[in-house]
N, C-alpha and C. Protein backbone atom coordinates (compact mmCIF):
# COMPACT_ATOMS: atom_id res chain seq x y z
N MET A 1 -6.99 -16.13 18.84
CA MET A 1 -5.73 -15.61 18.39
C MET A 1 -5.33 -14.48 19.31
N LYS A 2 -4.08 -14.43 19.72
CA LYS A 2 -3.63 -13.38 20.63
C LYS A 2 -3.41 -12.08 19.87
N SER A 3 -3.50 -10.99 20.58
CA SER A 3 -3.28 -9.69 19.97
C SER A 3 -1.79 -9.48 19.76
N ARG A 4 -1.43 -8.78 18.71
CA ARG A 4 -0.02 -8.49 18.46
C ARG A 4 0.09 -7.03 18.11
N THR A 5 1.26 -6.49 18.29
CA THR A 5 1.50 -5.12 17.90
C THR A 5 1.84 -5.11 16.42
N ALA A 6 1.13 -4.33 15.67
CA ALA A 6 1.37 -4.23 14.23
C ALA A 6 1.91 -2.85 13.92
N PHE A 7 2.80 -2.75 12.97
CA PHE A 7 3.33 -1.48 12.54
C PHE A 7 2.58 -1.07 11.30
N VAL A 8 1.96 0.07 11.37
CA VAL A 8 1.16 0.57 10.26
C VAL A 8 1.70 1.95 9.92
N LEU A 9 1.91 2.21 8.67
CA LEU A 9 2.40 3.50 8.23
C LEU A 9 1.20 4.35 7.85
N LEU A 10 1.13 5.58 8.36
CA LEU A 10 -0.01 6.43 8.05
C LEU A 10 -0.17 6.61 6.55
N ALA A 11 0.93 6.71 5.85
CA ALA A 11 0.84 6.85 4.41
C ALA A 11 0.27 5.58 3.79
N VAL A 12 0.40 4.50 4.47
CA VAL A 12 -0.01 3.21 3.95
C VAL A 12 -1.38 2.83 4.47
N ALA A 13 -1.61 3.02 5.76
CA ALA A 13 -2.86 2.56 6.36
C ALA A 13 -4.03 3.33 5.79
N ALA A 14 -5.11 2.65 5.61
CA ALA A 14 -6.30 3.32 5.13
C ALA A 14 -7.50 2.64 5.74
N SER A 15 -8.31 2.01 4.94
CA SER A 15 -9.59 1.55 5.45
C SER A 15 -9.61 0.08 5.84
N ILE A 16 -8.47 -0.45 6.28
CA ILE A 16 -8.52 -1.81 6.81
C ILE A 16 -9.40 -1.76 8.05
N SER A 17 -10.17 -2.75 8.23
CA SER A 17 -11.15 -2.74 9.31
C SER A 17 -10.53 -3.22 10.62
N SER A 18 -9.61 -2.47 11.16
CA SER A 18 -9.04 -2.80 12.46
C SER A 18 -9.42 -1.72 13.45
N CYS A 19 -9.71 -2.12 14.63
CA CYS A 19 -9.98 -1.18 15.69
C CYS A 19 -8.66 -0.51 16.05
N ARG A 20 -8.64 0.79 16.09
CA ARG A 20 -7.40 1.52 16.34
C ARG A 20 -7.29 1.93 17.79
N ASP A 21 -6.08 1.92 18.28
CA ASP A 21 -5.76 2.41 19.60
C ASP A 21 -6.12 3.90 19.64
N PRO A 22 -6.80 4.39 20.68
CA PRO A 22 -7.19 5.79 20.68
C PRO A 22 -6.00 6.75 20.65
N LYS A 23 -4.85 6.33 21.17
CA LYS A 23 -3.68 7.19 21.16
C LYS A 23 -2.48 6.42 20.61
N PRO A 24 -2.46 6.24 19.28
CA PRO A 24 -1.32 5.51 18.71
C PRO A 24 -0.04 6.33 18.84
N MET A 25 1.10 5.64 18.82
CA MET A 25 2.39 6.30 18.91
C MET A 25 2.82 6.67 17.49
N THR A 26 2.96 7.99 17.24
CA THR A 26 3.31 8.48 15.92
C THR A 26 4.61 9.25 15.99
N LYS A 27 5.45 9.03 14.97
CA LYS A 27 6.66 9.84 14.87
C LYS A 27 6.85 10.22 13.41
N GLU A 28 7.36 11.41 13.21
CA GLU A 28 7.64 11.90 11.87
C GLU A 28 8.99 11.35 11.42
N ILE A 29 9.04 10.87 10.19
CA ILE A 29 10.28 10.34 9.66
C ILE A 29 10.58 11.01 8.33
N THR A 30 11.86 11.09 8.00
CA THR A 30 12.31 11.61 6.72
C THR A 30 12.78 10.44 5.88
N VAL A 31 12.32 10.40 4.64
CA VAL A 31 12.59 9.28 3.77
C VAL A 31 13.15 9.80 2.45
N GLU A 32 14.22 9.16 1.98
CA GLU A 32 14.79 9.50 0.68
C GLU A 32 14.12 8.66 -0.40
N THR A 33 13.69 9.32 -1.47
CA THR A 33 13.12 8.63 -2.63
C THR A 33 13.89 9.10 -3.86
N PRO A 34 13.72 8.44 -4.98
CA PRO A 34 14.38 8.92 -6.20
C PRO A 34 13.94 10.33 -6.60
N SER A 35 12.75 10.75 -6.14
CA SER A 35 12.25 12.09 -6.46
C SER A 35 12.67 13.14 -5.44
N GLY A 36 13.34 12.74 -4.37
CA GLY A 36 13.78 13.68 -3.34
C GLY A 36 13.37 13.23 -1.96
N THR A 37 13.60 14.07 -1.00
CA THR A 37 13.30 13.78 0.40
C THR A 37 11.83 14.06 0.68
N ILE A 38 11.18 13.13 1.39
CA ILE A 38 9.79 13.31 1.81
C ILE A 38 9.70 13.15 3.32
N THR A 39 8.63 13.65 3.87
CA THR A 39 8.35 13.46 5.28
C THR A 39 7.08 12.63 5.38
N ALA A 40 7.13 11.63 6.25
CA ALA A 40 5.96 10.77 6.46
C ALA A 40 5.78 10.56 7.95
N ASN A 41 4.61 10.13 8.33
CA ASN A 41 4.33 9.79 9.73
C ASN A 41 4.30 8.28 9.86
N ALA A 42 5.11 7.75 10.74
CA ALA A 42 5.10 6.31 11.03
C ALA A 42 4.36 6.13 12.35
N THR A 43 3.40 5.23 12.34
CA THR A 43 2.57 5.02 13.52
C THR A 43 2.64 3.57 13.94
N THR A 44 2.83 3.36 15.23
CA THR A 44 2.77 2.03 15.81
C THR A 44 1.46 1.97 16.58
N GLU A 45 0.64 1.00 16.24
CA GLU A 45 -0.66 0.86 16.87
C GLU A 45 -0.84 -0.54 17.41
N LYS A 46 -1.57 -0.64 18.49
CA LYS A 46 -2.00 -1.96 18.96
C LYS A 46 -3.20 -2.35 18.13
N SER A 47 -3.16 -3.50 17.58
CA SER A 47 -4.28 -3.94 16.77
C SER A 47 -5.17 -4.87 17.56
N THR A 48 -6.38 -5.01 17.05
CA THR A 48 -7.26 -6.01 17.63
C THR A 48 -6.73 -7.37 17.18
N PRO A 49 -7.20 -8.43 17.79
CA PRO A 49 -6.76 -9.74 17.30
C PRO A 49 -7.07 -9.88 15.81
N GLN A 50 -6.08 -10.32 15.07
CA GLN A 50 -6.23 -10.46 13.63
C GLN A 50 -5.85 -11.86 13.20
N VAL A 51 -6.44 -12.26 12.10
CA VAL A 51 -6.04 -13.50 11.45
C VAL A 51 -5.41 -13.07 10.13
N ILE A 52 -4.16 -13.45 9.94
CA ILE A 52 -3.45 -13.11 8.71
C ILE A 52 -3.10 -14.41 8.01
N ARG A 53 -3.56 -14.52 6.78
CA ARG A 53 -3.31 -15.73 5.98
C ARG A 53 -2.71 -15.32 4.64
N LYS A 54 -1.84 -16.17 4.12
CA LYS A 54 -1.36 -15.94 2.77
C LYS A 54 -2.55 -15.93 1.83
N ALA A 55 -2.50 -15.02 0.86
CA ALA A 55 -3.57 -14.97 -0.14
C ALA A 55 -3.52 -16.23 -1.00
N SER A 56 -4.66 -16.65 -1.48
CA SER A 56 -4.73 -17.84 -2.32
C SER A 56 -3.98 -17.60 -3.62
N GLU A 57 -3.56 -18.67 -4.26
CA GLU A 57 -2.89 -18.56 -5.57
C GLU A 57 -3.80 -17.88 -6.57
N GLU A 58 -5.09 -18.16 -6.49
CA GLU A 58 -6.06 -17.54 -7.40
C GLU A 58 -6.07 -16.02 -7.20
N ALA A 59 -6.07 -15.57 -5.95
CA ALA A 59 -6.05 -14.13 -5.68
C ALA A 59 -4.75 -13.50 -6.17
N VAL A 60 -3.63 -14.14 -5.89
CA VAL A 60 -2.33 -13.62 -6.31
C VAL A 60 -2.27 -13.52 -7.83
N THR A 61 -2.76 -14.52 -8.53
CA THR A 61 -2.80 -14.49 -9.99
C THR A 61 -3.65 -13.32 -10.48
N SER A 62 -4.77 -13.10 -9.83
CA SER A 62 -5.64 -11.98 -10.17
C SER A 62 -4.93 -10.64 -9.95
N PHE A 63 -4.21 -10.50 -8.83
CA PHE A 63 -3.50 -9.25 -8.55
C PHE A 63 -2.41 -9.01 -9.59
N ARG A 64 -1.72 -10.06 -9.98
CA ARG A 64 -0.67 -9.91 -11.00
C ARG A 64 -1.27 -9.50 -12.34
N SER A 65 -2.41 -10.06 -12.66
CA SER A 65 -3.10 -9.70 -13.90
C SER A 65 -3.53 -8.23 -13.87
N LEU A 66 -4.04 -7.78 -12.74
CA LEU A 66 -4.43 -6.38 -12.60
C LEU A 66 -3.21 -5.46 -12.69
N ALA A 67 -2.13 -5.84 -12.03
CA ALA A 67 -0.90 -5.03 -12.06
C ALA A 67 -0.35 -4.91 -13.48
N ALA A 68 -0.55 -5.94 -14.29
CA ALA A 68 -0.08 -5.92 -15.68
C ALA A 68 -0.81 -4.86 -16.51
N LYS A 69 -1.94 -4.36 -16.02
CA LYS A 69 -2.69 -3.30 -16.71
C LYS A 69 -2.16 -1.91 -16.36
N ALA A 70 -1.26 -1.82 -15.41
CA ALA A 70 -0.75 -0.52 -14.96
C ALA A 70 -0.03 0.26 -16.07
N PRO A 71 0.81 -0.37 -16.89
CA PRO A 71 1.45 0.40 -17.97
C PRO A 71 0.44 1.05 -18.93
N ALA A 72 -0.67 0.37 -19.21
CA ALA A 72 -1.70 0.95 -20.07
C ALA A 72 -2.34 2.17 -19.39
N PHE A 73 -2.57 2.08 -18.09
CA PHE A 73 -3.10 3.22 -17.33
C PHE A 73 -2.12 4.38 -17.43
N LEU A 74 -0.85 4.10 -17.22
CA LEU A 74 0.18 5.13 -17.29
C LEU A 74 0.16 5.80 -18.67
N HIS A 75 0.09 5.00 -19.72
CA HIS A 75 0.09 5.53 -21.08
C HIS A 75 -1.17 6.36 -21.34
N GLU A 76 -2.32 5.91 -20.83
CA GLU A 76 -3.58 6.65 -21.04
C GLU A 76 -3.52 8.05 -20.45
N TYR A 77 -2.85 8.20 -19.33
CA TYR A 77 -2.89 9.48 -18.62
C TYR A 77 -1.60 10.30 -18.72
N LEU A 78 -0.50 9.70 -19.11
CA LEU A 78 0.75 10.45 -19.26
C LEU A 78 1.32 10.38 -20.66
N GLY A 79 0.82 9.46 -21.46
CA GLY A 79 1.41 9.25 -22.77
C GLY A 79 2.64 8.37 -22.63
N ALA A 80 3.50 8.42 -23.62
CA ALA A 80 4.71 7.59 -23.60
C ALA A 80 5.66 8.07 -22.51
N THR A 81 6.18 7.13 -21.74
CA THR A 81 7.18 7.46 -20.72
C THR A 81 8.40 6.61 -20.97
N GLU A 82 9.57 7.23 -20.80
CA GLU A 82 10.81 6.50 -21.05
C GLU A 82 11.02 5.37 -20.05
N SER A 83 10.87 5.69 -18.79
CA SER A 83 11.05 4.65 -17.77
C SER A 83 9.97 4.82 -16.71
N PRO A 84 9.00 3.93 -16.73
CA PRO A 84 7.92 4.04 -15.74
C PRO A 84 8.49 3.93 -14.33
N SER A 85 8.14 4.88 -13.51
CA SER A 85 8.61 4.90 -12.12
C SER A 85 7.40 5.03 -11.21
N LEU A 86 7.63 4.84 -9.92
CA LEU A 86 6.56 5.04 -8.96
C LEU A 86 6.03 6.47 -9.05
N ALA A 87 6.94 7.43 -9.20
CA ALA A 87 6.54 8.84 -9.31
C ALA A 87 5.69 9.07 -10.57
N ALA A 88 6.00 8.37 -11.66
CA ALA A 88 5.20 8.48 -12.88
C ALA A 88 3.77 8.00 -12.62
N TYR A 89 3.63 6.93 -11.85
CA TYR A 89 2.29 6.45 -11.52
C TYR A 89 1.55 7.45 -10.63
N ASP A 90 2.28 8.15 -9.76
CA ASP A 90 1.66 9.22 -8.98
C ASP A 90 1.14 10.32 -9.91
N ARG A 91 1.94 10.70 -10.91
CA ARG A 91 1.51 11.74 -11.86
C ARG A 91 0.32 11.26 -12.69
N ALA A 92 0.32 10.01 -13.09
CA ALA A 92 -0.81 9.46 -13.86
C ALA A 92 -2.08 9.45 -13.02
N PHE A 93 -1.96 9.10 -11.74
CA PHE A 93 -3.12 9.11 -10.85
C PHE A 93 -3.69 10.52 -10.74
N LYS A 94 -2.83 11.51 -10.59
CA LYS A 94 -3.26 12.91 -10.52
C LYS A 94 -3.94 13.31 -11.83
N ALA A 95 -3.36 12.92 -12.97
CA ALA A 95 -3.97 13.24 -14.26
C ALA A 95 -5.34 12.58 -14.39
N TRP A 96 -5.49 11.35 -13.89
CA TRP A 96 -6.79 10.68 -13.89
C TRP A 96 -7.79 11.47 -13.05
N GLN A 97 -7.36 11.91 -11.85
CA GLN A 97 -8.25 12.69 -10.98
C GLN A 97 -8.69 13.98 -11.65
N ASP A 98 -7.78 14.62 -12.38
CA ASP A 98 -8.06 15.92 -12.99
C ASP A 98 -8.76 15.83 -14.34
N SER A 99 -8.87 14.63 -14.89
CA SER A 99 -9.41 14.49 -16.24
C SER A 99 -10.92 14.71 -16.27
N ASP A 100 -11.38 15.24 -17.38
CA ASP A 100 -12.82 15.37 -17.62
C ASP A 100 -13.29 14.07 -18.22
N GLY A 101 -14.24 13.42 -17.58
CA GLY A 101 -14.74 12.15 -18.09
C GLY A 101 -13.65 11.10 -18.16
N PRO A 102 -13.07 10.71 -17.00
CA PRO A 102 -11.97 9.75 -17.02
C PRO A 102 -12.36 8.44 -17.70
N LYS A 103 -11.37 7.83 -18.33
CA LYS A 103 -11.58 6.58 -19.05
C LYS A 103 -11.73 5.39 -18.09
N ARG A 104 -11.26 5.55 -16.89
CA ARG A 104 -11.28 4.45 -15.90
C ARG A 104 -12.19 4.81 -14.73
N THR A 105 -12.92 3.81 -14.23
CA THR A 105 -13.78 4.02 -13.06
C THR A 105 -12.93 4.00 -11.79
N HIS A 106 -13.53 4.44 -10.70
CA HIS A 106 -12.85 4.39 -9.41
C HIS A 106 -12.41 2.96 -9.10
N ALA A 107 -13.31 2.01 -9.30
CA ALA A 107 -13.00 0.61 -8.98
C ALA A 107 -11.83 0.10 -9.81
N GLU A 108 -11.80 0.46 -11.09
CA GLU A 108 -10.68 0.02 -11.95
C GLU A 108 -9.36 0.60 -11.46
N VAL A 109 -9.37 1.87 -11.09
CA VAL A 109 -8.14 2.52 -10.63
C VAL A 109 -7.67 1.91 -9.32
N ILE A 110 -8.60 1.64 -8.42
CA ILE A 110 -8.23 0.98 -7.15
C ILE A 110 -7.61 -0.37 -7.44
N ASP A 111 -8.25 -1.15 -8.31
CA ASP A 111 -7.74 -2.48 -8.63
C ASP A 111 -6.37 -2.43 -9.30
N ILE A 112 -6.24 -1.59 -10.33
CA ILE A 112 -5.00 -1.56 -11.11
C ILE A 112 -3.84 -0.99 -10.30
N LEU A 113 -4.04 0.20 -9.71
CA LEU A 113 -2.92 0.82 -8.98
C LEU A 113 -2.66 0.13 -7.64
N GLY A 114 -3.70 -0.40 -7.00
CA GLY A 114 -3.49 -1.15 -5.77
C GLY A 114 -2.68 -2.41 -6.03
N ALA A 115 -3.03 -3.12 -7.09
CA ALA A 115 -2.28 -4.34 -7.46
C ALA A 115 -0.85 -3.99 -7.87
N TYR A 116 -0.70 -2.91 -8.64
CA TYR A 116 0.64 -2.48 -9.07
C TYR A 116 1.51 -2.16 -7.85
N LEU A 117 0.98 -1.35 -6.93
CA LEU A 117 1.76 -0.98 -5.74
C LEU A 117 2.09 -2.23 -4.92
N GLY A 118 1.13 -3.10 -4.73
CA GLY A 118 1.38 -4.34 -3.98
C GLY A 118 2.46 -5.19 -4.63
N GLU A 119 2.41 -5.32 -5.94
CA GLU A 119 3.42 -6.11 -6.65
C GLU A 119 4.80 -5.46 -6.57
N GLU A 120 4.86 -4.14 -6.61
CA GLU A 120 6.15 -3.45 -6.47
C GLU A 120 6.72 -3.68 -5.06
N LEU A 121 5.89 -3.60 -4.05
CA LEU A 121 6.34 -3.88 -2.69
C LEU A 121 6.80 -5.33 -2.56
N ASN A 122 6.08 -6.24 -3.17
CA ASN A 122 6.46 -7.66 -3.12
C ASN A 122 7.81 -7.88 -3.80
N ARG A 123 7.96 -7.35 -5.00
CA ARG A 123 9.20 -7.55 -5.77
C ARG A 123 10.40 -6.90 -5.11
N GLY A 124 10.22 -5.67 -4.68
CA GLY A 124 11.36 -4.90 -4.19
C GLY A 124 11.69 -5.09 -2.72
N LEU A 125 10.71 -5.49 -1.92
CA LEU A 125 10.92 -5.49 -0.47
C LEU A 125 10.60 -6.83 0.19
N ASP A 126 10.55 -7.90 -0.58
CA ASP A 126 10.34 -9.25 -0.05
C ASP A 126 9.04 -9.36 0.75
N MET A 127 7.97 -8.84 0.15
CA MET A 127 6.66 -8.92 0.77
C MET A 127 5.82 -9.92 0.00
N GLU A 128 4.64 -10.24 0.54
CA GLU A 128 3.74 -11.18 -0.12
C GLU A 128 2.30 -10.78 0.17
N TRP A 129 1.42 -11.19 -0.71
CA TRP A 129 -0.01 -10.91 -0.54
C TRP A 129 -0.57 -11.73 0.61
N VAL A 130 -1.37 -11.07 1.45
CA VAL A 130 -2.04 -11.73 2.56
C VAL A 130 -3.47 -11.20 2.66
N SER A 131 -4.27 -11.94 3.38
CA SER A 131 -5.61 -11.49 3.75
C SER A 131 -5.59 -11.24 5.25
N VAL A 132 -6.02 -10.05 5.66
CA VAL A 132 -6.04 -9.69 7.07
C VAL A 132 -7.50 -9.56 7.49
N SER A 133 -7.89 -10.32 8.52
CA SER A 133 -9.27 -10.29 9.01
C SER A 133 -9.28 -9.99 10.49
N ASP A 134 -10.27 -9.22 10.90
CA ASP A 134 -10.51 -8.98 12.32
C ASP A 134 -12.02 -8.91 12.52
N GLU A 135 -12.45 -8.48 13.69
CA GLU A 135 -13.88 -8.52 13.97
C GLU A 135 -14.71 -7.58 13.10
N LEU A 136 -14.07 -6.63 12.43
CA LEU A 136 -14.80 -5.67 11.62
C LEU A 136 -14.80 -6.00 10.12
N GLY A 137 -13.99 -6.96 9.71
CA GLY A 137 -13.97 -7.30 8.30
C GLY A 137 -12.61 -7.82 7.87
N SER A 138 -12.37 -7.76 6.55
CA SER A 138 -11.10 -8.25 6.03
C SER A 138 -10.67 -7.40 4.84
N ALA A 139 -9.38 -7.45 4.56
CA ALA A 139 -8.81 -6.72 3.43
C ALA A 139 -7.57 -7.45 2.97
N PHE A 140 -7.26 -7.28 1.68
CA PHE A 140 -5.99 -7.79 1.18
C PHE A 140 -4.91 -6.77 1.47
N ALA A 141 -3.74 -7.29 1.77
CA ALA A 141 -2.59 -6.45 2.11
C ALA A 141 -1.34 -7.15 1.62
N VAL A 142 -0.21 -6.49 1.77
CA VAL A 142 1.07 -7.15 1.57
C VAL A 142 1.82 -7.05 2.88
N ARG A 143 2.51 -8.14 3.21
CA ARG A 143 3.25 -8.22 4.47
C ARG A 143 4.64 -8.74 4.16
N HIS A 144 5.61 -8.20 4.89
CA HIS A 144 6.96 -8.71 4.73
C HIS A 144 6.95 -10.19 5.10
N ARG A 145 7.74 -10.97 4.40
CA ARG A 145 7.74 -12.41 4.62
C ARG A 145 8.23 -12.80 6.01
N LYS A 146 9.07 -11.96 6.62
CA LYS A 146 9.63 -12.30 7.92
C LYS A 146 9.22 -11.33 9.03
N PHE A 147 9.01 -10.07 8.70
CA PHE A 147 8.80 -9.04 9.71
C PHE A 147 7.38 -8.49 9.71
N ALA A 148 6.94 -8.01 10.86
CA ALA A 148 5.58 -7.50 11.04
C ALA A 148 5.44 -6.09 10.46
N VAL A 149 5.58 -5.99 9.16
CA VAL A 149 5.38 -4.75 8.43
C VAL A 149 4.35 -5.05 7.35
N ILE A 150 3.24 -4.33 7.41
CA ILE A 150 2.11 -4.58 6.52
C ILE A 150 1.71 -3.27 5.83
N ALA A 151 1.36 -3.37 4.57
CA ALA A 151 0.82 -2.24 3.81
C ALA A 151 -0.47 -2.69 3.14
N TYR A 152 -1.38 -1.75 2.95
CA TYR A 152 -2.69 -2.03 2.37
C TYR A 152 -2.84 -1.26 1.06
N PRO A 153 -2.30 -1.78 -0.04
CA PRO A 153 -2.26 -1.00 -1.27
C PRO A 153 -3.64 -0.64 -1.85
N PHE A 154 -4.59 -1.56 -1.84
CA PHE A 154 -5.91 -1.25 -2.38
C PHE A 154 -6.60 -0.18 -1.54
N SER A 155 -6.53 -0.34 -0.23
CA SER A 155 -7.13 0.65 0.66
C SER A 155 -6.46 2.00 0.53
N SER A 156 -5.16 2.00 0.27
CA SER A 156 -4.42 3.25 0.12
C SER A 156 -4.89 4.02 -1.11
N VAL A 157 -5.10 3.33 -2.22
CA VAL A 157 -5.60 3.98 -3.44
C VAL A 157 -7.03 4.49 -3.19
N HIS A 158 -7.85 3.64 -2.59
CA HIS A 158 -9.23 4.02 -2.31
C HIS A 158 -9.29 5.29 -1.46
N LYS A 159 -8.47 5.35 -0.45
CA LYS A 159 -8.44 6.53 0.44
C LYS A 159 -8.09 7.79 -0.35
N ARG A 160 -7.12 7.71 -1.26
CA ARG A 160 -6.69 8.89 -2.01
C ARG A 160 -7.76 9.33 -3.00
N ILE A 161 -8.56 8.40 -3.51
CA ILE A 161 -9.68 8.79 -4.36
C ILE A 161 -10.70 9.54 -3.52
N ASP A 162 -11.04 8.98 -2.37
CA ASP A 162 -12.02 9.63 -1.49
C ASP A 162 -11.54 11.00 -1.03
N ASP A 163 -10.25 11.11 -0.70
CA ASP A 163 -9.68 12.38 -0.19
C ASP A 163 -9.31 13.35 -1.30
N ARG A 164 -9.34 12.89 -2.55
CA ARG A 164 -8.86 13.66 -3.70
C ARG A 164 -7.42 14.13 -3.46
N SER A 165 -6.63 13.24 -2.90
CA SER A 165 -5.22 13.54 -2.71
C SER A 165 -4.41 12.67 -3.66
N TYR A 166 -3.15 12.96 -3.77
CA TYR A 166 -2.30 12.25 -4.72
C TYR A 166 -0.86 12.30 -4.22
N GLY A 167 0.05 11.73 -4.99
CA GLY A 167 1.46 11.74 -4.63
C GLY A 167 1.78 10.75 -3.52
N PHE A 168 1.17 9.59 -3.53
CA PHE A 168 1.31 8.65 -2.42
C PHE A 168 2.00 7.34 -2.80
N ILE A 169 2.03 6.98 -4.06
CA ILE A 169 2.55 5.66 -4.45
C ILE A 169 4.03 5.55 -4.12
N GLU A 170 4.81 6.50 -4.57
CA GLU A 170 6.24 6.50 -4.27
C GLU A 170 6.47 6.65 -2.76
N LYS A 171 5.68 7.49 -2.14
CA LYS A 171 5.82 7.74 -0.70
C LYS A 171 5.58 6.46 0.11
N ILE A 172 4.55 5.72 -0.24
CA ILE A 172 4.26 4.47 0.48
C ILE A 172 5.41 3.49 0.31
N TYR A 173 5.85 3.30 -0.92
CA TYR A 173 6.93 2.33 -1.17
C TYR A 173 8.17 2.67 -0.35
N TYR A 174 8.61 3.90 -0.39
CA TYR A 174 9.85 4.26 0.30
C TYR A 174 9.67 4.40 1.81
N THR A 175 8.47 4.65 2.27
CA THR A 175 8.23 4.65 3.71
C THR A 175 8.30 3.23 4.25
N VAL A 176 7.73 2.28 3.52
CA VAL A 176 7.83 0.87 3.93
C VAL A 176 9.29 0.43 3.87
N LYS A 177 10.00 0.80 2.81
CA LYS A 177 11.42 0.45 2.68
C LYS A 177 12.22 1.02 3.85
N ASN A 178 11.94 2.27 4.20
CA ASN A 178 12.62 2.90 5.33
C ASN A 178 12.34 2.15 6.62
N ARG A 179 11.09 1.73 6.81
CA ARG A 179 10.73 0.98 8.03
C ARG A 179 11.54 -0.31 8.11
N LEU A 180 11.65 -1.00 7.00
CA LEU A 180 12.40 -2.26 6.99
C LEU A 180 13.89 -2.02 7.22
N GLU A 181 14.43 -0.96 6.66
CA GLU A 181 15.85 -0.67 6.84
C GLU A 181 16.16 -0.18 8.24
N SER A 182 15.17 0.37 8.94
CA SER A 182 15.39 0.92 10.28
C SER A 182 15.55 -0.15 11.34
N GLY A 183 15.04 -1.34 11.07
CA GLY A 183 15.06 -2.41 12.07
C GLY A 183 13.99 -2.22 13.14
N ASP A 184 13.09 -1.26 12.95
CA ASP A 184 12.06 -0.94 13.93
C ASP A 184 10.80 -1.76 13.63
N TYR A 185 10.85 -3.05 13.95
CA TYR A 185 9.74 -3.95 13.70
C TYR A 185 9.96 -5.22 14.52
N LYS A 186 8.96 -6.04 14.55
CA LYS A 186 9.05 -7.36 15.19
C LYS A 186 8.98 -8.42 14.11
N GLU A 187 9.36 -9.63 14.47
CA GLU A 187 9.19 -10.74 13.52
C GLU A 187 7.73 -11.12 13.49
N ASN A 188 7.30 -11.67 12.36
CA ASN A 188 5.92 -12.12 12.24
C ASN A 188 5.64 -13.22 13.26
N ASP A 189 4.41 -13.22 13.74
CA ASP A 189 3.95 -14.28 14.62
C ASP A 189 3.89 -15.57 13.80
N PRO A 190 4.53 -16.63 14.25
CA PRO A 190 4.55 -17.87 13.46
C PRO A 190 3.21 -18.56 13.33
N SER A 191 2.20 -18.16 14.10
CA SER A 191 0.89 -18.84 14.04
C SER A 191 0.13 -18.52 12.80
C-alpha cells in the first residue's frame, strides 16, 4: 500500500499506532462552538503506509450499543439535563474524573464516550467507522466518507484519562467540522 498524507487533528489524535513525522506541520486554528470560541492545533503529518477498512457491521452495531449508554453516563455524573450537548458530556467526564469512587471504570468510560463521540461525528459530519492498521498496530477511528479526515474517538478519551485532562469532546467535534468546512484536505484514496 502506498503512503498517503493524512490529516490528523492534535485534539483528535492520540494513541493510534502510526509512526509520526519528526517535524509535522502544525498551525493554530480558531474554531467556533456552541460554547464559544476555542483554539486548537491542526497538524498535517505524513503517515506510514496504512490499511483503512470499513468497520464490520458487528463492530458498528457494538459501537452504537455503547453510544446508547452515554445518556445514562451523563445522568450519573450531571443529573438531569434539559438538552444533552457535547459540552455537557465534557462536564460529565470532568465530574467522573473528580468523583470519589467513580461508578464507571476507565475501560467503560473509554468505550461509552469514545463510541458516543464517534457516532456524533458520523451523524453530524458524514463520517463512518473504520479500522486503521499500520506496522505498529490498529485502532478504530471515524473517517469522512469522501475526504481524508480521520478522528480517533476511543484513543482521544483514553488519552484524556491518562493526562487527567478534560474539555475535549466538543473541541474535537468542532475542530473536525472546521477542517471539513475549510476545504483543507484530500479525497480518500480509492484503494
